[in-house]
Protein backbone atom coordinates (compact mmCIF):
# COMPACT_ATOMS: atom_id res chain seq x y z
CA UNK A 1 20.86 141.60 201.54
CA UNK A 2 21.14 137.83 201.36
CA UNK A 3 20.80 137.92 197.61
CA UNK A 4 23.64 140.42 197.24
CA UNK A 5 26.01 138.32 199.39
CA UNK A 6 25.11 135.22 197.38
CA UNK A 7 25.85 136.99 194.09
CA UNK A 8 29.21 138.23 195.41
CA UNK A 9 30.17 134.74 196.56
CA UNK A 10 29.07 133.41 193.19
CA UNK A 11 31.29 135.93 191.41
CA UNK A 12 34.34 135.09 193.54
CA UNK A 13 34.18 131.35 192.92
CA UNK A 14 35.20 131.44 189.25
CA UNK A 15 38.32 133.51 190.08
CA UNK A 16 39.37 131.12 192.84
CA UNK A 17 38.75 128.18 190.57
CA UNK A 18 40.88 129.76 187.86
CA UNK A 19 43.72 130.39 190.31
CA UNK A 20 43.53 126.85 191.63
CA UNK A 21 43.39 125.51 188.11
CA UNK A 22 46.47 127.54 187.11
CA UNK A 23 48.41 126.33 190.15
CA UNK A 24 47.43 122.76 189.43
CA UNK A 25 48.49 123.16 185.79
CA UNK A 26 51.90 124.47 186.89
CA UNK A 27 52.33 121.62 189.35
CA UNK A 28 51.25 119.09 186.73
CA UNK A 29 53.70 120.51 184.19
CA UNK A 30 56.64 120.27 186.59
CA UNK A 31 55.56 116.77 187.60
CA UNK A 32 55.51 115.63 183.97
CA UNK A 33 58.91 117.22 183.36
CA UNK A 34 60.40 115.61 186.46
CA UNK A 35 59.21 112.12 185.51
CA UNK A 36 60.26 112.35 181.86
CA UNK A 37 63.40 110.62 180.62
CA UNK A 38 64.75 113.95 179.31
CA UNK A 39 64.59 115.69 182.70
CA UNK A 40 68.33 115.43 183.38
CA UNK A 41 69.17 116.59 179.84
CA UNK A 42 66.92 119.63 180.31
CA UNK A 43 68.52 120.41 183.67
CA UNK A 44 71.97 120.15 182.08
CA UNK A 45 71.19 122.82 179.50
CA UNK A 46 69.37 125.01 182.05
CA UNK A 47 72.29 125.10 184.50
CA UNK A 48 74.57 126.41 181.76
CA UNK A 49 72.36 129.51 181.61
CA UNK A 50 73.44 130.57 185.12
CA UNK A 51 76.63 132.22 183.92
CA UNK A 52 78.36 135.55 183.47
CA UNK A 53 80.54 133.99 180.75
CA UNK A 54 78.51 135.77 178.11
CA UNK A 55 78.47 139.36 176.91
CA UNK A 56 75.53 140.54 178.98
CA UNK A 57 75.01 143.72 181.01
CA UNK A 58 77.13 142.65 183.99
CA UNK A 59 80.06 141.36 181.91
CA UNK A 60 80.01 144.34 179.54
CA UNK A 61 80.09 146.76 182.48
CA UNK A 62 83.02 144.91 184.01
CA UNK A 63 84.97 145.03 180.73
CA UNK A 64 84.39 148.76 180.30
CA UNK A 65 85.30 149.48 183.92
CA UNK A 66 88.62 147.71 183.38
CA UNK A 67 89.51 149.94 180.43
CA UNK A 68 87.93 148.44 177.29
CA UNK A 69 86.17 150.99 175.10
CA UNK A 70 82.55 150.59 174.08
CA UNK A 71 83.70 149.86 170.52
CA UNK A 72 85.95 147.04 171.71
CA UNK A 73 83.14 145.51 173.77
CA UNK A 74 80.75 145.77 170.80
CA UNK A 75 83.26 144.03 168.53
CA UNK A 76 83.78 141.27 171.08
CA UNK A 77 80.03 140.81 171.44
CA UNK A 78 79.79 140.55 167.64
CA UNK A 79 82.54 137.94 167.60
CA UNK A 80 80.71 136.07 170.36
CA UNK A 81 77.56 136.01 168.22
CA UNK A 82 79.49 134.85 165.15
CA UNK A 83 81.05 131.93 166.98
CA UNK A 84 77.59 130.94 168.23
CA UNK A 85 76.20 131.05 164.69
CA UNK A 86 79.16 128.95 163.53
CA UNK A 87 78.14 126.35 166.09
CA UNK A 88 74.65 126.18 164.54
CA UNK A 89 76.22 125.36 161.17
CA UNK A 90 78.59 122.75 162.55
CA UNK A 91 75.89 120.96 164.57
CA UNK A 92 73.96 119.47 161.56
CA UNK A 93 77.23 118.23 160.05
CA UNK A 94 78.15 116.41 163.25
CA UNK A 95 74.60 115.11 163.67
CA UNK A 96 74.91 113.11 160.45
CA UNK A 97 77.91 111.25 161.85
CA UNK A 98 77.52 111.23 165.64
CA UNK A 99 74.76 110.64 168.16
CA UNK A 100 73.31 113.48 170.20
CA UNK A 101 74.96 112.17 173.34
CA UNK A 102 78.44 112.22 171.80
CA UNK A 103 77.91 115.70 170.36
CA UNK A 104 76.76 116.98 173.74
CA UNK A 105 79.65 115.42 175.64
CA UNK A 106 82.23 116.68 173.13
CA UNK A 107 80.79 120.19 173.24
CA UNK A 108 80.76 120.13 177.05
CA UNK A 109 84.44 119.18 177.19
CA UNK A 110 85.26 122.09 174.88
CA UNK A 111 83.00 124.40 176.89
CA UNK A 112 84.71 123.33 180.12
CA UNK A 113 88.15 124.10 178.68
CA UNK A 114 87.04 127.58 177.61
CA UNK A 115 85.49 128.17 181.03
CA UNK A 116 88.74 127.08 182.68
CA UNK A 117 90.59 129.69 180.61
CA UNK A 118 88.19 132.33 181.95
CA UNK A 119 88.74 131.15 185.52
CA UNK A 120 92.52 131.24 185.08
CA UNK A 121 92.27 134.90 184.04
CA UNK A 122 91.55 135.75 187.70
CA UNK A 123 95.23 135.18 188.54
CA UNK A 124 96.81 136.73 185.46
CA UNK A 125 98.49 140.17 185.39
CA UNK A 126 95.99 143.01 185.37
CA UNK A 127 93.22 141.13 187.14
CA UNK A 128 91.42 143.08 189.90
CA UNK A 129 90.36 139.85 191.62
CA UNK A 130 90.85 139.99 195.39
CA UNK A 131 89.57 136.93 197.31
CA UNK A 132 89.76 138.81 200.63
CA UNK A 133 88.15 142.02 199.45
CA UNK A 134 84.89 141.50 201.37
CA UNK A 135 86.76 140.74 204.60
CA UNK A 136 88.83 143.91 204.54
CA UNK A 137 87.66 147.19 206.10
CA UNK A 138 85.92 149.50 203.65
CA UNK A 139 88.62 152.14 203.95
CA UNK A 140 91.59 149.89 203.27
CA UNK A 141 93.35 150.04 199.94
CA UNK A 142 95.45 146.91 199.32
CA UNK A 143 98.39 147.22 197.01
CA UNK A 144 98.00 145.53 193.65
CA UNK A 145 98.76 146.08 190.01
CA UNK A 146 95.65 148.27 189.79
CA UNK A 147 94.92 151.65 191.30
CA UNK A 148 91.59 151.67 193.10
CA UNK A 149 89.92 154.43 195.02
CA UNK A 150 88.98 153.81 198.65
CA UNK A 151 85.37 153.47 197.54
CA UNK A 152 85.46 151.44 194.30
CA UNK A 153 82.51 151.79 191.97
CA UNK A 154 80.00 148.99 191.78
CA UNK A 155 79.58 147.13 188.51
CA UNK A 156 75.82 147.33 188.90
CA UNK A 157 75.99 151.08 189.55
CA UNK A 158 77.89 151.48 186.33
CA UNK A 159 75.42 149.31 184.41
CA UNK A 160 72.40 151.20 185.79
CA UNK A 161 73.70 154.77 185.73
CA UNK A 162 75.32 154.70 182.30
CA UNK A 163 72.83 154.37 179.46
CA UNK A 164 75.66 153.88 176.95
CA UNK A 165 79.13 152.50 177.41
CA UNK A 166 81.91 155.00 178.04
CA UNK A 167 85.65 154.67 177.93
CA UNK A 168 87.58 154.91 181.18
CA UNK A 169 88.58 158.50 180.38
CA UNK A 170 85.04 159.71 179.76
CA UNK A 171 83.79 157.75 182.76
CA UNK A 172 86.33 159.48 184.99
CA UNK A 173 85.04 162.89 183.87
CA UNK A 174 81.54 162.19 185.24
CA UNK A 175 80.31 162.42 188.81
CA UNK A 176 80.54 158.65 189.37
CA UNK A 177 83.18 157.30 191.76
CA UNK A 178 86.55 156.58 190.15
CA UNK A 179 86.94 153.10 188.77
CA UNK A 180 89.79 150.66 188.38
CA UNK A 181 91.75 151.11 185.16
CA UNK A 182 93.96 148.17 184.35
CA UNK A 183 97.58 148.84 183.48
CA UNK A 184 97.91 145.35 182.04
CA UNK A 185 95.09 143.90 179.93
CA UNK A 186 96.42 140.33 179.89
CA UNK A 187 93.71 139.08 182.24
CA UNK A 188 90.89 140.83 180.38
CA UNK A 189 92.09 139.67 176.96
CA UNK A 190 92.35 136.04 178.09
CA UNK A 191 88.93 136.25 179.73
CA UNK A 192 87.34 137.71 176.58
CA UNK A 193 89.00 135.09 174.37
CA UNK A 194 87.77 132.18 176.48
CA UNK A 195 84.30 133.68 176.64
CA UNK A 196 84.08 134.26 172.88
CA UNK A 197 85.37 130.85 171.83
CA UNK A 198 83.24 129.08 174.46
CA UNK A 199 80.09 130.46 172.87
CA UNK A 200 80.64 128.01 169.98
CA UNK A 201 80.28 125.06 172.35
CA UNK A 202 77.42 126.65 174.28
CA UNK A 203 75.23 126.91 171.20
CA UNK A 204 75.98 123.32 170.25
CA UNK A 205 74.98 122.17 173.74
CA UNK A 206 71.77 124.18 173.54
CA UNK A 207 70.92 122.71 170.13
CA UNK A 208 71.68 119.21 171.46
CA UNK A 209 69.26 119.71 174.34
CA UNK A 210 66.54 121.06 172.03
CA UNK A 211 66.99 118.15 169.63
CA UNK A 212 66.77 115.64 172.49
CA UNK A 213 63.48 117.19 173.60
CA UNK A 214 62.10 116.98 170.07
CA UNK A 215 63.15 113.39 169.44
CA UNK A 216 62.59 111.79 172.85
CA UNK A 217 59.32 113.35 174.03
CA UNK A 218 55.89 112.23 172.89
CA UNK A 219 53.98 114.79 170.86
CA UNK A 220 51.16 115.20 173.41
CA UNK A 221 53.68 116.05 176.18
CA UNK A 222 56.15 118.04 174.10
CA UNK A 223 54.50 121.41 174.65
CA UNK A 224 54.33 121.00 178.42
CA UNK A 225 57.90 119.76 178.82
CA UNK A 226 59.37 122.40 176.50
CA UNK A 227 57.47 125.16 178.36
CA UNK A 228 58.77 124.00 181.74
CA UNK A 229 62.27 123.70 180.33
CA UNK A 230 62.12 127.24 178.94
CA UNK A 231 60.91 128.59 182.29
CA UNK A 232 63.72 126.77 184.09
CA UNK A 233 66.31 128.21 181.72
CA UNK A 234 65.03 131.75 182.29
CA UNK A 235 64.93 131.24 186.05
CA UNK A 236 68.56 130.15 186.20
CA UNK A 237 69.55 132.86 183.73
CA UNK A 238 68.25 135.48 186.16
CA UNK A 239 70.29 133.99 188.99
CA UNK A 240 73.44 135.66 187.66
CA UNK A 241 71.90 139.05 188.44
CA UNK A 242 71.11 137.87 191.96
CA UNK A 243 74.75 136.82 192.38
CA UNK A 244 75.91 140.16 190.98
CA UNK A 245 73.86 142.02 193.60
CA UNK A 246 75.98 140.51 196.35
CA UNK A 247 79.30 140.66 194.46
CA UNK A 248 78.97 143.97 192.66
CA UNK A 249 82.63 145.10 192.63
CA UNK A 250 85.42 144.54 190.11
CA UNK A 251 87.49 142.86 192.83
CA UNK A 252 84.75 140.25 193.38
CA UNK A 253 83.88 139.62 189.74
CA UNK A 254 86.22 136.62 189.83
CA UNK A 255 83.83 134.91 192.23
CA UNK A 256 81.09 135.24 189.60
CA UNK A 257 83.38 133.60 187.04
CA UNK A 258 84.11 130.71 189.41
CA UNK A 259 80.41 130.35 190.30
CA UNK A 260 79.55 130.21 186.59
CA UNK A 261 82.05 127.41 186.09
CA UNK A 262 80.60 125.50 189.06
CA UNK A 263 77.08 125.81 187.62
CA UNK A 264 78.44 124.48 184.33
CA UNK A 265 79.97 121.49 186.14
CA UNK A 266 76.57 120.69 187.66
CA UNK A 267 75.09 120.83 184.16
CA UNK A 268 77.77 118.47 182.84
CA UNK A 269 76.98 116.01 185.62
CA UNK A 270 73.28 116.03 184.76
CA UNK A 271 74.05 115.34 181.11
CA UNK A 272 76.34 112.44 182.01
CA UNK A 273 73.50 110.97 184.08
CA UNK A 274 71.16 111.33 181.10
CA UNK A 275 73.68 109.62 178.79
CA UNK A 276 74.09 106.68 181.16
CA UNK A 277 70.33 106.21 181.54
CA UNK A 278 69.76 106.51 177.80
CA UNK A 279 72.55 104.02 177.09
CA UNK A 280 71.03 101.55 179.56
CA UNK A 281 67.60 101.92 177.93
CA UNK A 282 69.07 101.31 174.48
CA UNK A 283 70.83 98.16 175.68
CA UNK A 284 67.59 96.88 177.20
CA UNK A 285 65.69 97.51 173.98
CA UNK A 286 68.37 95.74 171.92
CA UNK A 287 68.34 92.78 174.34
CA UNK A 288 64.56 92.53 174.20
CA UNK A 289 64.49 92.70 170.40
CA UNK A 290 67.12 89.95 170.15
CA UNK A 291 65.14 87.75 172.56
CA UNK A 292 61.95 88.31 170.57
CA UNK A 293 63.77 87.37 167.35
CA UNK A 294 65.08 84.15 168.91
CA UNK A 295 61.59 83.26 170.14
CA UNK A 296 60.18 83.94 166.70
CA UNK A 297 62.77 81.63 165.12
CA UNK A 298 61.87 78.87 167.62
CA UNK A 299 58.19 79.19 166.76
CA UNK A 300 58.93 79.02 163.02
CA UNK A 301 61.02 75.87 163.44
């Protein structure tokens, strides 16, 4: 009996050691990432991932609910991809003439302008955005430029229940609750335009962050820091679905747009902090090299 308990305890130890070792490795990886000089640059790129300003499941469902056909959404998604690819071609050209910091800051200004266009679409004709929607009783039906049912369909319900995109006419013929069909597409067109053009800047920012990690991190730490950075990007990317769970109506989609812009502003702030620190380090290195040259001249004389 004693022998059997000893063998069981002996078998459990390796598993516990492996778990402890894995937890320690995760902690060590985050510690290395946090102490690295590229931490703020990595955080800047990661915070831009927490956005609905991209043709993903939530945004596509919103566009189709507002009256865009599946073909139109597919064409817009293709244009979004093309502008991103264009950014990958422009980045090497700019890299030959500008520093990574200037490329990143320029791309972030352009990305902010495109995001501001998307935010402004909340108050354009045809927008279903209603800031007080969650405070109203469920049975109320406020007057607006759109015609909603008393129980508007959820964006997430549409994304889950429809395996393929449908037009508003075919969607109305199903058993799902009626959805909002925009009479005026001004808001949706402006939102799609800002989203598509902003993808150009987003890819340039992402390439800038990747290039900073490659050039500024030592080779022995590069794998650890890049892995932590990738995990952080995926974590923040999933946060948009968490936000959509609480704001899963067309009338509240504007809050998701505003939240995406706020996350982007946090990312911009982190990148500015990185640029200031990197500029200070460069000035210190130039000052030290000049002092060493003067000392060397004094020794030679």
